[in-house]
Amino acid sequence: MRKLIAFDDDTFDKLKQLARDRMANFQELADEAFGDLLRKHGVPVDLKDALRKSAGISKTPVKDHARSRTSRKARS
């Protein structure tokens, strides 16, 4: 879907330069920026994020805090 977004000349020039510096195109910059904005506000970006959010699973793995198993000496 195409939408029209207006930028002032200075901002657009800086975005074009950033795209050149990163060897990307304007669409890639826009995809990254809007994805970051959605994540910042807790809106799932794709199906995987939506499923993870609905299941209540965090993106970072949870460490297992179970006691480590050590060999115990048998009491005689």
N, C-alpha and C. Protein backbone atom coordinates (compact mmCIF):
# COMPACT_ATOMS: atom_id res chain seq x y z
N MET A 1 0.85 -1.16 0.00
CA MET A 1 0.00 0.00 0.00
C MET A 1 0.90 1.23 0.00
N ARG A 2 0.58 2.16 -0.81
CA ARG A 2 1.37 3.39 -0.89
C ARG A 2 0.64 4.52 -0.19
N LYS A 3 1.40 5.29 0.56
CA LYS A 3 0.87 6.47 1.23
C LYS A 3 1.85 7.62 1.01
N LEU A 4 1.33 8.81 0.98
CA LEU A 4 2.14 9.99 0.77
C LEU A 4 2.50 10.61 2.11
N ILE A 5 3.80 10.82 2.34
CA ILE A 5 4.28 11.46 3.55
C ILE A 5 5.13 12.65 3.13
N ALA A 6 4.89 13.79 3.75
CA ALA A 6 5.64 15.01 3.40
C ALA A 6 6.77 15.25 4.39
N PHE A 7 7.94 15.59 3.88
CA PHE A 7 9.11 15.97 4.68
C PHE A 7 9.56 17.33 4.22
N ASP A 8 10.13 18.10 5.16
CA ASP A 8 10.73 19.36 4.71
C ASP A 8 12.04 19.01 3.99
N ASP A 9 12.53 19.92 3.19
CA ASP A 9 13.70 19.65 2.35
C ASP A 9 14.92 19.22 3.15
N ASP A 10 15.18 19.87 4.27
CA ASP A 10 16.36 19.56 5.07
C ASP A 10 16.28 18.13 5.63
N THR A 11 15.13 17.76 6.16
CA THR A 11 14.95 16.41 6.71
C THR A 11 15.10 15.37 5.61
N PHE A 12 14.50 15.60 4.46
CA PHE A 12 14.58 14.65 3.37
C PHE A 12 16.03 14.48 2.88
N ASP A 13 16.77 15.59 2.81
CA ASP A 13 18.18 15.51 2.40
C ASP A 13 18.99 14.67 3.39
N LYS A 14 18.72 14.85 4.68
CA LYS A 14 19.43 14.08 5.70
C LYS A 14 19.07 12.61 5.63
N LEU A 15 17.81 12.30 5.37
CA LEU A 15 17.40 10.91 5.23
C LEU A 15 18.03 10.25 4.01
N LYS A 16 18.10 10.99 2.90
CA LYS A 16 18.76 10.46 1.70
C LYS A 16 20.23 10.18 1.98
N GLN A 17 20.89 11.10 2.70
CA GLN A 17 22.31 10.91 3.01
C GLN A 17 22.51 9.72 3.94
N LEU A 18 21.62 9.57 4.93
CA LEU A 18 21.70 8.42 5.83
C LEU A 18 21.53 7.12 5.05
N ALA A 19 20.60 7.10 4.12
CA ALA A 19 20.39 5.90 3.29
C ALA A 19 21.65 5.59 2.48
N ARG A 20 22.26 6.60 1.93
CA ARG A 20 23.51 6.39 1.17
C ARG A 20 24.61 5.85 2.07
N ASP A 21 24.75 6.46 3.27
CA ASP A 21 25.80 6.04 4.20
C ASP A 21 25.63 4.59 4.64
N ARG A 22 24.40 4.16 4.80
CA ARG A 22 24.12 2.79 5.24
C ARG A 22 23.96 1.82 4.08
N MET A 23 24.11 2.33 2.87
CA MET A 23 23.92 1.52 1.66
C MET A 23 22.55 0.86 1.68
N ALA A 24 21.54 1.64 2.00
CA ALA A 24 20.16 1.18 2.05
C ALA A 24 19.33 2.11 1.17
N ASN A 25 18.06 1.81 1.03
CA ASN A 25 17.20 2.72 0.31
C ASN A 25 16.21 3.35 1.30
N PHE A 26 15.47 4.32 0.83
CA PHE A 26 14.56 5.05 1.69
C PHE A 26 13.50 4.13 2.29
N GLN A 27 13.03 3.15 1.52
CA GLN A 27 12.02 2.21 2.02
C GLN A 27 12.54 1.41 3.21
N GLU A 28 13.80 0.97 3.14
CA GLU A 28 14.38 0.23 4.25
C GLU A 28 14.49 1.08 5.51
N LEU A 29 14.85 2.35 5.34
CA LEU A 29 14.89 3.26 6.49
C LEU A 29 13.49 3.43 7.09
N ALA A 30 12.50 3.59 6.25
CA ALA A 30 11.12 3.77 6.72
C ALA A 30 10.63 2.51 7.44
N ASP A 31 10.90 1.33 6.88
CA ASP A 31 10.49 0.07 7.52
C ASP A 31 11.10 -0.05 8.92
N GLU A 32 12.39 0.26 9.03
CA GLU A 32 13.08 0.18 10.32
C GLU A 32 12.50 1.19 11.31
N ALA A 33 12.28 2.41 10.85
CA ALA A 33 11.77 3.47 11.73
C ALA A 33 10.37 3.15 12.24
N PHE A 34 9.49 2.71 11.35
CA PHE A 34 8.12 2.42 11.78
C PHE A 34 8.07 1.15 12.63
N GLY A 35 8.92 0.18 12.34
CA GLY A 35 9.01 -1.01 13.19
C GLY A 35 9.45 -0.67 14.60
N ASP A 36 10.47 0.21 14.71
CA ASP A 36 10.94 0.65 16.03
C ASP A 36 9.85 1.41 16.78
N LEU A 37 9.10 2.23 16.07
CA LEU A 37 8.02 3.00 16.69
C LEU A 37 6.93 2.08 17.23
N LEU A 38 6.57 1.07 16.46
CA LEU A 38 5.54 0.12 16.90
C LEU A 38 6.02 -0.66 18.12
N ARG A 39 7.28 -1.13 18.10
CA ARG A 39 7.82 -1.87 19.24
C ARG A 39 7.86 -1.00 20.49
N LYS A 40 8.23 0.27 20.32
CA LYS A 40 8.31 1.21 21.45
C LYS A 40 6.96 1.31 22.16
N HIS A 41 5.89 1.24 21.40
CA HIS A 41 4.55 1.40 21.97
C HIS A 41 3.86 0.05 22.22
N GLY A 42 4.62 -1.04 22.12
CA GLY A 42 4.09 -2.35 22.46
C GLY A 42 3.16 -2.96 21.44
N VAL A 43 3.22 -2.49 20.21
CA VAL A 43 2.37 -3.04 19.14
C VAL A 43 3.18 -4.10 18.40
N PRO A 44 2.66 -5.33 18.29
CA PRO A 44 3.40 -6.37 17.58
C PRO A 44 3.63 -5.99 16.11
N VAL A 45 4.85 -6.23 15.65
CA VAL A 45 5.22 -5.86 14.28
C VAL A 45 4.82 -6.94 13.28
N ASP A 46 4.95 -8.20 13.68
CA ASP A 46 4.62 -9.29 12.78
C ASP A 46 3.88 -10.39 13.54
N LEU A 47 3.53 -11.44 12.85
CA LEU A 47 2.76 -12.53 13.46
C LEU A 47 3.51 -13.16 14.62
N LYS A 48 4.82 -13.35 14.46
CA LYS A 48 5.62 -13.97 15.51
C LYS A 48 5.56 -13.13 16.79
N ASP A 49 5.70 -11.81 16.67
CA ASP A 49 5.60 -10.92 17.83
C ASP A 49 4.20 -10.96 18.44
N ALA A 50 3.17 -11.01 17.61
CA ALA A 50 1.79 -11.05 18.10
C ALA A 50 1.54 -12.33 18.89
N LEU A 51 2.02 -13.47 18.38
CA LEU A 51 1.84 -14.73 19.08
C LEU A 51 2.60 -14.74 20.40
N ARG A 52 3.82 -14.21 20.37
CA ARG A 52 4.63 -14.15 21.58
C ARG A 52 3.94 -13.28 22.64
N LYS A 53 3.38 -12.16 22.20
CA LYS A 53 2.70 -11.25 23.14
C LYS A 53 1.44 -11.90 23.69
N SER A 54 0.66 -12.57 22.85
CA SER A 54 -0.58 -13.18 23.32
C SER A 54 -0.31 -14.35 24.27
N ALA A 55 0.83 -15.00 24.10
CA ALA A 55 1.18 -16.11 24.99
C ALA A 55 1.85 -15.61 26.26
N GLY A 56 2.19 -14.35 26.29
CA GLY A 56 2.84 -13.78 27.47
C GLY A 56 4.29 -14.18 27.61
N ILE A 57 4.92 -14.49 26.49
CA ILE A 57 6.32 -14.91 26.50
C ILE A 57 7.18 -13.71 26.15
N SER A 58 8.22 -13.48 26.95
CA SER A 58 9.12 -12.37 26.66
C SER A 58 10.08 -12.77 25.55
N LYS A 59 10.65 -11.78 24.87
CA LYS A 59 11.55 -12.05 23.76
C LYS A 59 12.90 -12.55 24.26
N THR A 60 13.29 -12.15 25.48
CA THR A 60 14.55 -12.60 26.03
C THR A 60 14.34 -13.91 26.76
N PRO A 61 15.25 -14.86 26.60
CA PRO A 61 15.08 -16.14 27.27
C PRO A 61 15.18 -16.00 28.78
N VAL A 62 14.37 -16.76 29.47
CA VAL A 62 14.37 -16.73 30.93
C VAL A 62 15.37 -17.76 31.42
N LYS A 63 16.24 -17.33 32.34
CA LYS A 63 17.24 -18.25 32.88
C LYS A 63 16.59 -19.16 33.90
N ASP A 64 17.03 -20.40 33.91
CA ASP A 64 16.51 -21.37 34.86
C ASP A 64 17.26 -21.19 36.17
N HIS A 65 16.52 -20.86 37.22
CA HIS A 65 17.14 -20.63 38.52
C HIS A 65 17.05 -21.87 39.41
N ALA A 66 16.94 -23.03 38.82
CA ALA A 66 16.87 -24.27 39.59
C ALA A 66 18.21 -24.52 40.26
N ARG A 67 18.13 -25.21 41.41
CA ARG A 67 19.37 -25.53 42.12
C ARG A 67 20.25 -26.42 41.26
N SER A 68 21.53 -26.12 41.30
CA SER A 68 22.44 -26.97 40.54
C SER A 68 22.56 -28.30 41.25
N ARG A 69 22.72 -29.31 40.48
CA ARG A 69 22.79 -30.65 41.05
C ARG A 69 24.24 -30.95 41.41
N THR A 70 24.46 -31.18 42.65
CA THR A 70 25.80 -31.54 43.11
C THR A 70 25.72 -32.92 43.73
N SER A 71 26.79 -33.63 43.62
CA SER A 71 26.78 -34.97 44.21
C SER A 71 26.90 -34.83 45.73
N ARG A 72 26.04 -35.54 46.39
CA ARG A 72 26.06 -35.53 47.85
C ARG A 72 26.66 -36.84 48.34
N LYS A 73 27.39 -36.71 49.40
CA LYS A 73 27.97 -37.91 49.98
C LYS A 73 26.89 -38.66 50.73
N ALA A 74 26.88 -39.95 50.55
CA ALA A 74 25.90 -40.80 51.24
C ALA A 74 26.29 -40.89 52.70
N ARG A 75 25.28 -40.73 53.55
CA ARG A 75 25.56 -40.85 54.99
C ARG A 75 25.57 -42.32 55.39
N SER A 76 26.55 -42.70 56.16
CA SER A 76 26.67 -44.10 56.58
C SER A 76 26.10 -44.28 57.95
